[in-house]
Amino acid sequence: MASSIASALLLAACGSSTDNSAGTGTGTSAAADTAAPTETATSSAGSGMHMVSTNMLMAKQMSGMGAVVTDAKGWTLYRYDKDKASMSMCTGSCAQTWMPVVADGTPKAMGLKAKVGVITRGDGMKQVTLAGWPLYRYMGDTKVGEMNGQGKGGAWYVITPAGAKSAMASHASPSSGSNSGSNSGGSGTSATMSGMPGM
């Protein structure tokens, strides 16, 4: 009888040990699955600025626009004509609408013709650049593939894999239609330049 009770206790102890081990393994696996996001949108505490982080820039063919640059999730990226060499001029309320793309580690490139880099913004964030131009995502794009920021204010343009501004007017952005003639001419000139801001 005593030996039966001892055997039962031994089996119970082994069973609980196995359950704990399995639980730990599952927890580790779940943590590993969520540990490496490729693109996230966040707000900078106290500044009201919105930003997105990515670890990949990609060239993508868009209907009516040709080749454009997107982030890791496929969101269209833009450049700002008022930016200067290695300096973002989009701060404060501007950065709430035009979200700076910040580096998630060392950004990689796929299918791009221009050099990918990183600059330090005035707020200390590491913003991703292409051909020297700081990159942004437009808050008005509500789904992947949209290009509603094209031509906004005569200064915001979808960026091409070569770092130039796209010459095409976006069908999704009526406000860009009135600027399409002058913008197209300007972007043609831009394509022949070195691609560095302020030039």
N, C-alpha and C. Protein backbone atom coordinates (compact mmCIF):
# COMPACT_ATOMS: atom_id res chain seq x y z
N MET A 1 0.83 -1.19 0.00
CA MET A 1 0.00 0.00 0.00
C MET A 1 0.88 1.25 0.00
N ALA A 2 1.88 1.25 0.89
CA ALA A 2 2.79 2.40 0.98
C ALA A 2 3.50 2.63 -0.34
N SER A 3 3.91 1.53 -0.99
CA SER A 3 4.62 1.69 -2.27
C SER A 3 3.68 2.23 -3.35
N SER A 4 2.39 1.87 -3.28
CA SER A 4 1.43 2.39 -4.26
C SER A 4 1.27 3.90 -4.11
N ILE A 5 1.17 4.34 -2.86
CA ILE A 5 1.02 5.79 -2.62
C ILE A 5 2.26 6.53 -3.10
N ALA A 6 3.45 5.99 -2.82
CA ALA A 6 4.69 6.63 -3.25
C ALA A 6 4.75 6.73 -4.77
N SER A 7 4.32 5.67 -5.46
CA SER A 7 4.33 5.68 -6.92
C SER A 7 3.39 6.76 -7.47
N ALA A 8 2.22 6.87 -6.85
CA ALA A 8 1.24 7.86 -7.30
C ALA A 8 1.78 9.27 -7.12
N LEU A 9 2.43 9.54 -5.99
CA LEU A 9 3.01 10.85 -5.74
C LEU A 9 4.11 11.17 -6.75
N LEU A 10 4.94 10.18 -7.07
CA LEU A 10 6.03 10.36 -8.02
C LEU A 10 5.49 10.72 -9.41
N LEU A 11 4.42 10.02 -9.82
CA LEU A 11 3.82 10.30 -11.13
C LEU A 11 3.22 11.70 -11.17
N ALA A 12 2.59 12.13 -10.08
CA ALA A 12 1.99 13.46 -10.03
C ALA A 12 3.05 14.54 -10.15
N ALA A 13 4.18 14.33 -9.47
CA ALA A 13 5.28 15.30 -9.52
C ALA A 13 5.83 15.42 -10.93
N CYS A 14 6.01 14.29 -11.61
CA CYS A 14 6.52 14.30 -12.98
C CYS A 14 5.55 15.03 -13.91
N GLY A 15 4.25 14.78 -13.71
CA GLY A 15 3.24 15.41 -14.56
C GLY A 15 3.26 16.92 -14.43
N SER A 16 3.37 17.45 -13.18
CA SER A 16 3.37 18.90 -13.02
C SER A 16 4.63 19.51 -13.58
N SER A 17 5.75 18.81 -13.52
CA SER A 17 7.01 19.31 -14.07
C SER A 17 6.90 19.45 -15.58
N THR A 18 6.28 18.46 -16.23
CA THR A 18 6.11 18.49 -17.68
C THR A 18 5.21 19.64 -18.10
N ASP A 19 4.12 19.89 -17.34
CA ASP A 19 3.19 20.97 -17.67
C ASP A 19 3.89 22.32 -17.61
N ASN A 20 4.71 22.54 -16.57
CA ASN A 20 5.41 23.81 -16.43
C ASN A 20 6.37 24.03 -17.58
N SER A 21 7.06 22.99 -17.97
CA SER A 21 8.02 23.09 -19.05
C SER A 21 7.33 23.47 -20.36
N ALA A 22 6.19 22.83 -20.62
CA ALA A 22 5.46 23.13 -21.85
C ALA A 22 4.98 24.56 -21.85
N GLY A 23 4.49 25.05 -20.70
CA GLY A 23 4.00 26.41 -20.61
C GLY A 23 5.10 27.42 -20.90
N THR A 24 6.29 27.18 -20.37
CA THR A 24 7.40 28.09 -20.60
C THR A 24 7.78 28.13 -22.07
N GLY A 25 7.78 26.96 -22.70
CA GLY A 25 8.12 26.90 -24.12
C GLY A 25 7.15 27.70 -24.96
N THR A 26 5.86 27.59 -24.66
CA THR A 26 4.86 28.31 -25.43
C THR A 26 5.03 29.81 -25.27
N GLY A 27 5.31 30.25 -24.04
CA GLY A 27 5.50 31.67 -23.79
C GLY A 27 6.67 32.22 -24.58
N THR A 28 7.75 31.49 -24.63
CA THR A 28 8.94 31.92 -25.36
C THR A 28 8.64 32.04 -26.85
N SER A 29 7.90 31.06 -27.37
CA SER A 29 7.57 31.07 -28.78
C SER A 29 6.71 32.28 -29.13
N ALA A 30 5.73 32.59 -28.27
CA ALA A 30 4.85 33.72 -28.55
C ALA A 30 5.63 35.02 -28.53
N ALA A 31 6.57 35.13 -27.60
CA ALA A 31 7.38 36.35 -27.52
C ALA A 31 8.23 36.51 -28.77
N ALA A 32 8.78 35.41 -29.26
CA ALA A 32 9.64 35.46 -30.44
C ALA A 32 8.85 35.90 -31.67
N ASP A 33 7.57 35.46 -31.76
CA ASP A 33 6.75 35.79 -32.91
C ASP A 33 6.46 37.28 -32.99
N THR A 34 6.41 37.97 -31.84
CA THR A 34 6.05 39.38 -31.84
C THR A 34 7.25 40.30 -31.63
N ALA A 35 8.44 39.75 -31.62
CA ALA A 35 9.62 40.54 -31.27
C ALA A 35 10.23 41.31 -32.42
N ALA A 36 9.82 41.05 -33.66
CA ALA A 36 10.50 41.70 -34.78
C ALA A 36 9.53 42.35 -35.76
N PRO A 37 8.86 43.46 -35.36
CA PRO A 37 7.98 44.15 -36.30
C PRO A 37 8.80 44.82 -37.39
N THR A 38 8.24 44.90 -38.59
CA THR A 38 8.97 45.54 -39.69
C THR A 38 8.53 46.98 -39.90
N GLU A 39 7.35 47.35 -39.41
CA GLU A 39 6.88 48.72 -39.59
C GLU A 39 5.81 49.01 -38.56
N THR A 40 5.98 50.10 -37.80
CA THR A 40 5.00 50.47 -36.80
C THR A 40 4.78 51.98 -36.82
N ALA A 41 3.58 52.39 -36.44
CA ALA A 41 3.26 53.81 -36.34
C ALA A 41 3.16 54.20 -34.87
N THR A 42 3.84 55.27 -34.48
CA THR A 42 3.83 55.70 -33.09
C THR A 42 3.75 57.22 -33.01
N SER A 43 3.55 57.73 -31.80
CA SER A 43 3.56 59.17 -31.56
C SER A 43 4.71 59.48 -30.63
N SER A 44 5.36 60.61 -30.85
CA SER A 44 6.46 61.04 -30.00
C SER A 44 5.88 61.75 -28.79
N ALA A 45 6.18 61.25 -27.60
CA ALA A 45 5.62 61.79 -26.38
C ALA A 45 5.92 63.28 -26.25
N GLY A 46 4.86 64.07 -25.98
CA GLY A 46 5.03 65.49 -25.72
C GLY A 46 5.09 66.36 -26.96
N SER A 47 5.49 65.83 -28.11
CA SER A 47 5.65 66.67 -29.30
C SER A 47 4.41 66.68 -30.18
N GLY A 48 3.54 65.67 -30.03
CA GLY A 48 2.37 65.56 -30.89
C GLY A 48 2.72 65.04 -32.26
N MET A 49 4.01 64.78 -32.52
CA MET A 49 4.47 64.31 -33.82
C MET A 49 4.14 62.83 -33.99
N HIS A 50 3.72 62.48 -35.18
CA HIS A 50 3.50 61.07 -35.52
C HIS A 50 4.69 60.60 -36.35
N MET A 51 5.00 59.33 -36.25
CA MET A 51 6.10 58.79 -37.05
C MET A 51 5.83 57.33 -37.35
N VAL A 52 6.50 56.80 -38.34
CA VAL A 52 6.43 55.38 -38.64
C VAL A 52 7.86 54.85 -38.71
N SER A 53 8.05 53.63 -38.29
CA SER A 53 9.38 53.04 -38.38
C SER A 53 9.35 51.88 -39.35
N THR A 54 10.46 51.69 -40.04
CA THR A 54 10.55 50.59 -41.00
C THR A 54 11.99 50.12 -41.08
N ASN A 55 12.17 48.89 -41.52
CA ASN A 55 13.53 48.36 -41.72
C ASN A 55 13.78 48.01 -43.18
N MET A 56 12.86 48.43 -44.07
CA MET A 56 13.00 48.08 -45.48
C MET A 56 12.35 49.14 -46.37
N LEU A 57 13.06 49.52 -47.44
CA LEU A 57 12.50 50.35 -48.50
C LEU A 57 12.47 49.51 -49.77
N MET A 58 11.37 49.60 -50.51
CA MET A 58 11.22 48.77 -51.70
C MET A 58 10.71 49.56 -52.89
N ALA A 59 11.15 49.17 -54.08
CA ALA A 59 10.61 49.75 -55.31
C ALA A 59 9.37 48.96 -55.69
N LYS A 60 8.32 49.68 -56.08
CA LYS A 60 7.07 49.01 -56.44
C LYS A 60 6.43 49.71 -57.61
N GLN A 61 5.91 48.96 -58.56
CA GLN A 61 5.20 49.53 -59.71
C GLN A 61 3.77 49.85 -59.31
N MET A 62 3.37 51.12 -59.50
CA MET A 62 2.01 51.55 -59.16
C MET A 62 1.30 51.99 -60.43
N SER A 63 0.05 51.60 -60.56
CA SER A 63 -0.73 51.98 -61.73
C SER A 63 -0.84 53.49 -61.85
N GLY A 64 -0.46 54.03 -63.00
CA GLY A 64 -0.55 55.46 -63.26
C GLY A 64 0.61 56.26 -62.71
N MET A 65 1.53 55.62 -61.96
CA MET A 65 2.64 56.35 -61.35
C MET A 65 4.00 55.79 -61.73
N GLY A 66 4.05 54.59 -62.26
CA GLY A 66 5.34 53.96 -62.55
C GLY A 66 5.97 53.43 -61.28
N ALA A 67 7.29 53.43 -61.21
CA ALA A 67 8.00 52.88 -60.05
C ALA A 67 8.06 53.92 -58.94
N VAL A 68 7.65 53.51 -57.75
CA VAL A 68 7.69 54.38 -56.57
C VAL A 68 8.35 53.63 -55.43
N VAL A 69 8.61 54.33 -54.34
CA VAL A 69 9.23 53.70 -53.17
C VAL A 69 8.19 53.53 -52.08
N THR A 70 8.19 52.35 -51.46
CA THR A 70 7.29 52.07 -50.34
C THR A 70 8.10 51.59 -49.14
N ASP A 71 7.43 51.56 -47.98
CA ASP A 71 8.07 51.00 -46.79
C ASP A 71 7.85 49.49 -46.76
N ALA A 72 8.18 48.85 -45.65
CA ALA A 72 8.11 47.40 -45.55
C ALA A 72 6.70 46.85 -45.72
N LYS A 73 5.68 47.65 -45.39
CA LYS A 73 4.30 47.18 -45.51
C LYS A 73 3.66 47.57 -46.84
N GLY A 74 4.39 48.34 -47.68
CA GLY A 74 3.84 48.74 -48.97
C GLY A 74 3.21 50.11 -49.01
N TRP A 75 3.35 50.91 -47.92
CA TRP A 75 2.81 52.27 -47.90
C TRP A 75 3.69 53.19 -48.75
N THR A 76 3.06 54.06 -49.52
CA THR A 76 3.76 55.00 -50.38
C THR A 76 4.57 56.00 -49.55
N LEU A 77 5.80 56.30 -50.00
CA LEU A 77 6.65 57.26 -49.32
C LEU A 77 6.85 58.52 -50.16
N TYR A 78 7.07 59.64 -49.46
CA TYR A 78 7.14 60.95 -50.10
C TYR A 78 8.41 61.70 -49.73
N ARG A 79 8.74 62.70 -50.54
CA ARG A 79 9.80 63.66 -50.23
C ARG A 79 9.21 65.06 -50.24
N TYR A 80 9.91 65.99 -49.57
CA TYR A 80 9.41 67.34 -49.36
C TYR A 80 10.39 68.33 -49.99
N ASP A 81 9.90 69.15 -50.92
CA ASP A 81 10.77 70.08 -51.65
C ASP A 81 11.47 71.10 -50.75
N LYS A 82 10.89 71.38 -49.58
CA LYS A 82 11.47 72.40 -48.70
C LYS A 82 12.55 71.85 -47.77
N ASP A 83 12.75 70.54 -47.79
CA ASP A 83 13.84 69.96 -47.01
C ASP A 83 15.17 70.40 -47.59
N LYS A 84 16.19 70.41 -46.74
CA LYS A 84 17.54 70.78 -47.16
C LYS A 84 18.46 69.57 -47.01
N ALA A 85 19.67 69.68 -47.52
CA ALA A 85 20.61 68.56 -47.46
C ALA A 85 20.76 68.06 -46.03
N SER A 86 20.42 66.81 -45.84
CA SER A 86 20.54 66.14 -44.54
C SER A 86 19.78 66.85 -43.42
N MET A 87 18.67 67.53 -43.77
CA MET A 87 17.89 68.21 -42.75
C MET A 87 16.40 68.21 -43.10
N SER A 88 15.58 67.76 -42.17
CA SER A 88 14.14 67.79 -42.36
C SER A 88 13.60 69.14 -41.90
N MET A 89 12.81 69.76 -42.75
CA MET A 89 12.17 71.03 -42.41
C MET A 89 10.71 70.81 -41.97
N CYS A 90 10.29 69.56 -41.93
CA CYS A 90 8.92 69.23 -41.53
C CYS A 90 8.91 68.88 -40.04
N THR A 91 8.50 69.84 -39.23
CA THR A 91 8.45 69.65 -37.78
C THR A 91 7.09 70.13 -37.26
N GLY A 92 6.85 69.98 -35.98
CA GLY A 92 5.61 70.45 -35.37
C GLY A 92 4.37 69.85 -36.02
N SER A 93 3.41 70.72 -36.38
CA SER A 93 2.16 70.23 -36.95
C SER A 93 2.37 69.56 -38.30
N CYS A 94 3.41 69.96 -39.02
CA CYS A 94 3.72 69.31 -40.31
C CYS A 94 3.96 67.82 -40.10
N ALA A 95 4.69 67.48 -39.04
CA ALA A 95 5.04 66.08 -38.78
C ALA A 95 3.89 65.28 -38.20
N GLN A 96 2.75 65.94 -37.97
CA GLN A 96 1.55 65.20 -37.57
C GLN A 96 0.81 64.70 -38.80
N THR A 97 0.92 65.44 -39.90
CA THR A 97 0.26 65.06 -41.15
C THR A 97 1.20 64.24 -42.03
N TRP A 98 2.46 64.65 -42.07
CA TRP A 98 3.48 63.96 -42.87
C TRP A 98 4.41 63.26 -41.88
N MET A 99 4.18 61.97 -41.69
CA MET A 99 4.88 61.21 -40.65
C MET A 99 6.31 60.87 -41.07
N PRO A 100 7.31 61.36 -40.35
CA PRO A 100 8.69 60.98 -40.67
C PRO A 100 8.88 59.47 -40.58
N VAL A 101 9.61 58.93 -41.54
CA VAL A 101 9.93 57.49 -41.52
C VAL A 101 11.24 57.34 -40.76
N VAL A 102 11.18 56.69 -39.61
CA VAL A 102 12.38 56.53 -38.79
C VAL A 102 12.92 55.11 -38.94
N ALA A 103 14.22 54.99 -38.72
CA ALA A 103 14.90 53.72 -38.95
C ALA A 103 14.64 52.72 -37.83
N ASP A 104 14.25 51.53 -38.20
CA ASP A 104 14.13 50.41 -37.28
C ASP A 104 15.38 49.56 -37.51
N GLY A 105 16.47 49.91 -36.82
CA GLY A 105 17.76 49.27 -37.09
C GLY A 105 18.38 49.90 -38.33
N THR A 106 19.15 49.11 -39.06
CA THR A 106 19.76 49.60 -40.31
C THR A 106 18.81 49.31 -41.46
N PRO A 107 18.27 50.35 -42.11
CA PRO A 107 17.30 50.12 -43.18
C PRO A 107 17.93 49.43 -44.38
N LYS A 108 17.21 48.47 -44.94
CA LYS A 108 17.66 47.74 -46.12
C LYS A 108 16.88 48.25 -47.34
N ALA A 109 17.41 47.98 -48.52
CA ALA A 109 16.77 48.45 -49.75
C ALA A 109 16.58 47.29 -50.71
N MET A 110 15.48 47.34 -51.45
CA MET A 110 15.19 46.32 -52.45
C MET A 110 14.75 47.00 -53.74
N GLY A 111 15.57 46.91 -54.79
CA GLY A 111 15.22 47.45 -56.10
C GLY A 111 15.38 48.95 -56.24
N LEU A 112 16.11 49.59 -55.34
CA LEU A 112 16.29 51.04 -55.41
C LEU A 112 17.56 51.40 -56.19
N LYS A 113 17.56 52.58 -56.81
CA LYS A 113 18.72 53.03 -57.59
C LYS A 113 19.55 54.07 -56.84
N ALA A 114 19.00 54.61 -55.77
CA ALA A 114 19.69 55.65 -55.01
C ALA A 114 20.10 55.11 -53.64
N LYS A 115 21.00 55.83 -52.99
CA LYS A 115 21.55 55.39 -51.71
C LYS A 115 20.58 55.67 -50.56
N VAL A 116 20.41 54.66 -49.71
CA VAL A 116 19.60 54.80 -48.50
C VAL A 116 20.50 55.26 -47.36
N GLY A 117 20.04 56.22 -46.59
CA GLY A 117 20.82 56.71 -45.46
C GLY A 117 19.93 57.04 -44.28
N VAL A 118 20.53 57.64 -43.26
CA VAL A 118 19.80 58.04 -42.05
C VAL A 118 20.34 59.39 -41.60
N ILE A 119 19.45 60.30 -41.21
CA ILE A 119 19.87 61.57 -40.62
C ILE A 119 19.28 61.67 -39.21
N THR A 120 19.87 62.52 -38.39
CA THR A 120 19.32 62.77 -37.06
C THR A 120 18.51 64.05 -37.12
N ARG A 121 17.21 63.96 -36.84
CA ARG A 121 16.33 65.11 -36.84
C ARG A 121 16.61 66.00 -35.63
N GLY A 122 16.05 67.20 -35.66
CA GLY A 122 16.20 68.11 -34.54
C GLY A 122 15.63 67.56 -33.25
N ASP A 123 14.65 66.63 -33.38
CA ASP A 123 14.05 66.03 -32.19
C ASP A 123 14.80 64.77 -31.74
N GLY A 124 15.92 64.47 -32.43
CA GLY A 124 16.74 63.33 -32.05
C GLY A 124 16.39 62.02 -32.73
N MET A 125 15.28 61.97 -33.47
CA MET A 125 14.88 60.74 -34.14
C MET A 125 15.76 60.50 -35.37
N LYS A 126 15.99 59.23 -35.69
CA LYS A 126 16.80 58.84 -36.85
C LYS A 126 15.87 58.63 -38.06
N GLN A 127 15.87 59.61 -38.97
CA GLN A 127 14.97 59.55 -40.12
C GLN A 127 15.67 58.95 -41.33
N VAL A 128 14.96 58.07 -42.02
CA VAL A 128 15.50 57.40 -43.20
C VAL A 128 15.50 58.37 -44.38
N THR A 129 16.57 58.31 -45.19
CA THR A 129 16.67 59.15 -46.38
C THR A 129 16.91 58.30 -47.62
N LEU A 130 16.58 58.87 -48.77
CA LEU A 130 16.89 58.25 -50.06
C LEU A 130 17.47 59.34 -50.94
N ALA A 131 18.68 59.13 -51.43
CA ALA A 131 19.42 60.14 -52.21
C ALA A 131 19.51 61.45 -51.44
N GLY A 132 19.57 61.36 -50.12
CA GLY A 132 19.69 62.54 -49.27
C GLY A 132 18.37 63.16 -48.85
N TRP A 133 17.26 62.71 -49.43
CA TRP A 133 15.95 63.28 -49.11
C TRP A 133 15.31 62.52 -47.95
N PRO A 134 14.96 63.22 -46.85
CA PRO A 134 14.22 62.58 -45.76
C PRO A 134 12.89 62.04 -46.27
N LEU A 135 12.47 60.90 -45.75
CA LEU A 135 11.26 60.25 -46.24
C LEU A 135 10.10 60.39 -45.25
N TYR A 136 8.89 60.43 -45.82
CA TYR A 136 7.67 60.61 -45.03
C TYR A 136 6.56 59.70 -45.54
N ARG A 137 5.58 59.46 -44.66
CA ARG A 137 4.34 58.81 -45.06
C ARG A 137 3.21 59.80 -44.80
N TYR A 138 2.23 59.83 -45.67
CA TYR A 138 1.14 60.81 -45.59
C TYR A 138 -0.04 60.25 -44.80
N MET A 139 -0.50 61.02 -43.82
CA MET A 139 -1.63 60.60 -42.99
C MET A 139 -2.90 60.41 -43.82
N GLY A 140 -2.99 61.12 -44.94
CA GLY A 140 -4.18 61.01 -45.80
C GLY A 140 -4.26 59.74 -46.60
N ASP A 141 -3.19 58.95 -46.63
CA ASP A 141 -3.23 57.62 -47.26
C ASP A 141 -3.79 56.66 -46.23
N THR A 142 -4.98 56.14 -46.49
CA THR A 142 -5.63 55.28 -45.50
C THR A 142 -5.48 53.79 -45.79
N LYS A 143 -4.93 53.47 -46.95
CA LYS A 143 -4.66 52.06 -47.24
C LYS A 143 -3.45 51.95 -48.17
N VAL A 144 -2.83 50.79 -48.15
CA VAL A 144 -1.65 50.53 -48.97
C VAL A 144 -1.98 50.78 -50.44
N GLY A 145 -1.08 51.46 -51.14
CA GLY A 145 -1.27 51.72 -52.57
C GLY A 145 -1.81 53.10 -52.87
N GLU A 146 -2.36 53.79 -51.87
CA GLU A 146 -2.86 55.13 -52.12
C GLU A 146 -1.71 56.12 -52.22
N MET A 147 -1.92 57.20 -52.99
CA MET A 147 -0.92 58.25 -53.20
C MET A 147 -1.58 59.61 -53.13
N ASN A 148 -2.41 59.81 -52.11
CA ASN A 148 -3.20 61.03 -51.99
C ASN A 148 -2.35 62.27 -51.71
N GLY A 149 -1.09 62.09 -51.33
CA GLY A 149 -0.24 63.23 -51.03
C GLY A 149 0.49 63.79 -52.24
N GLN A 150 0.38 63.13 -53.39
CA GLN A 150 1.11 63.57 -54.58
C GLN A 150 0.74 64.99 -54.99
N GLY A 151 1.73 65.90 -55.02
CA GLY A 151 1.51 67.27 -55.45
C GLY A 151 0.92 68.18 -54.38
N LYS A 152 0.70 67.70 -53.17
CA LYS A 152 0.10 68.52 -52.11
C LYS A 152 0.95 69.77 -51.86
N GLY A 153 0.30 70.92 -51.85
CA GLY A 153 0.97 72.17 -51.56
C GLY A 153 2.06 72.52 -52.55
N GLY A 154 2.11 71.82 -53.67
CA GLY A 154 3.16 72.06 -54.65
C GLY A 154 4.55 71.73 -54.12
N ALA A 155 4.61 70.91 -53.06
CA ALA A 155 5.91 70.63 -52.44
C ALA A 155 6.10 69.17 -52.03
N TRP A 156 5.03 68.39 -52.02
CA TRP A 156 5.12 66.99 -51.58
C TRP A 156 4.93 66.08 -52.79
N TYR A 157 5.86 65.13 -52.94
CA TYR A 157 5.81 64.24 -54.10
C TYR A 157 6.17 62.80 -53.70
N VAL A 158 5.51 61.87 -54.37
CA VAL A 158 5.91 60.47 -54.25
C VAL A 158 7.35 60.37 -54.73
N ILE A 159 8.19 59.64 -54.00
CA ILE A 159 9.60 59.53 -54.37
C ILE A 159 9.83 58.28 -55.22
N THR A 160 10.69 58.42 -56.22
CA THR A 160 11.00 57.31 -57.13
C THR A 160 12.22 56.54 -56.61
N PRO A 161 12.47 55.34 -57.13
CA PRO A 161 13.65 54.57 -56.71
C PRO A 161 14.98 55.28 -56.94
N ALA A 162 14.99 56.30 -57.82
CA ALA A 162 16.21 57.07 -58.07
C ALA A 162 16.33 58.28 -57.15
N GLY A 163 15.32 58.49 -56.30
CA GLY A 163 15.33 59.62 -55.38
C GLY A 163 14.69 60.87 -55.94
N ALA A 164 14.19 60.81 -57.19
CA ALA A 164 13.53 61.97 -57.81
C ALA A 164 12.07 62.02 -57.38
N LYS A 165 11.43 63.17 -57.64
CA LYS A 165 10.00 63.24 -57.35
C LYS A 165 9.22 62.75 -58.56
N SER A 166 8.16 62.04 -58.32
CA SER A 166 7.37 61.50 -59.41
C SER A 166 6.71 62.63 -60.19
N ALA A 167 6.74 62.51 -61.52
CA ALA A 167 6.16 63.54 -62.39
C ALA A 167 4.68 63.32 -62.61
N MET A 168 4.18 62.16 -62.21
CA MET A 168 2.79 61.82 -62.49
C MET A 168 1.86 62.42 -61.45
N ALA A 169 0.69 62.89 -61.91
CA ALA A 169 -0.33 63.40 -60.99
C ALA A 169 -1.13 62.22 -60.46
N SER A 170 -1.43 62.23 -59.18
CA SER A 170 -2.20 61.15 -58.58
C SER A 170 -3.68 61.34 -58.86
N HIS A 171 -4.35 60.30 -59.35
CA HIS A 171 -5.78 60.37 -59.62
C HIS A 171 -6.56 60.47 -58.31
N ALA A 172 -5.93 60.02 -57.21
CA ALA A 172 -6.63 60.00 -55.92
C ALA A 172 -6.56 61.35 -55.22
N SER A 173 -5.84 62.31 -55.78
CA SER A 173 -5.67 63.60 -55.12
C SER A 173 -6.10 64.74 -56.05
N PRO A 174 -7.40 65.12 -55.99
CA PRO A 174 -7.90 66.16 -56.89
C PRO A 174 -7.12 67.46 -56.80
N SER A 175 -6.62 67.80 -55.60
CA SER A 175 -5.93 69.07 -55.43
C SER A 175 -4.63 69.13 -56.21
N SER A 176 -4.09 67.97 -56.57
CA SER A 176 -2.84 67.97 -57.31
C SER A 176 -3.05 68.20 -58.81
N GLY A 177 -4.32 68.10 -59.25
CA GLY A 177 -4.59 68.23 -60.68
C GLY A 177 -4.22 69.59 -61.22
N SER A 178 -4.52 70.67 -60.45
CA SER A 178 -4.24 72.02 -60.93
C SER A 178 -2.76 72.30 -61.02
N ASN A 179 -1.95 71.52 -60.29
CA ASN A 179 -0.52 71.76 -60.30
C ASN A 179 0.21 70.82 -61.24
N SER A 180 -0.52 69.88 -61.86
CA SER A 180 0.15 68.81 -62.59
C SER A 180 1.02 69.32 -63.73
N GLY A 181 0.59 70.41 -64.41
CA GLY A 181 1.39 70.90 -65.53
C GLY A 181 2.72 71.43 -65.06
N SER A 182 2.70 72.36 -64.09
CA SER A 182 3.95 72.96 -63.63
C SER A 182 4.79 71.97 -62.87
N ASN A 183 4.14 71.08 -62.12
CA ASN A 183 4.90 70.11 -61.34
C ASN A 183 5.63 69.13 -62.23
N SER A 184 4.99 68.76 -63.33
CA SER A 184 5.63 67.79 -64.22
C SER A 184 6.91 68.37 -64.79
N GLY A 185 6.86 69.64 -65.17
CA GLY A 185 8.06 70.26 -65.72
C GLY A 185 9.15 70.33 -64.69
N GLY A 186 8.76 70.68 -63.44
CA GLY A 186 9.76 70.81 -62.38
C GLY A 186 10.41 69.49 -62.07
N SER A 187 9.61 68.42 -62.08
CA SER A 187 10.18 67.14 -61.70
C SER A 187 11.13 66.62 -62.77
N GLY A 188 10.88 67.01 -64.03
CA GLY A 188 11.79 66.58 -65.08
C GLY A 188 13.17 67.15 -64.84
N THR A 189 13.21 68.41 -64.41
CA THR A 189 14.49 69.04 -64.10
C THR A 189 15.15 68.34 -62.93
N SER A 190 14.32 68.01 -61.93
CA SER A 190 14.86 67.38 -60.72
C SER A 190 15.55 66.07 -61.05
N ALA A 191 15.00 65.34 -62.02
CA ALA A 191 15.56 64.03 -62.34
C ALA A 191 16.97 64.13 -62.88
N THR A 192 17.31 65.29 -63.46
CA THR A 192 18.65 65.43 -64.02
C THR A 192 19.66 65.92 -62.99
N MET A 193 19.16 66.33 -61.82
CA MET A 193 20.05 66.81 -60.78
C MET A 193 20.63 65.64 -59.99
N SER A 194 21.43 65.98 -59.02
CA SER A 194 22.09 64.94 -58.23
C SER A 194 21.14 64.26 -57.29
N GLY A 195 19.97 64.88 -57.05
CA GLY A 195 19.00 64.26 -56.15
C GLY A 195 19.15 64.73 -54.73
N MET A 196 20.12 65.59 -54.41
CA MET A 196 20.30 66.05 -53.05
C MET A 196 19.38 67.23 -52.77
N PRO A 197 18.76 67.27 -51.56
CA PRO A 197 17.89 68.38 -51.22
C PRO A 197 18.62 69.72 -51.31
N GLY A 198 17.85 70.74 -51.65
CA GLY A 198 18.41 72.10 -51.69
C GLY A 198 19.10 72.43 -52.99
N MET A 199 19.12 71.48 -53.93
CA MET A 199 19.81 71.72 -55.20
C MET A 199 18.79 72.02 -56.28
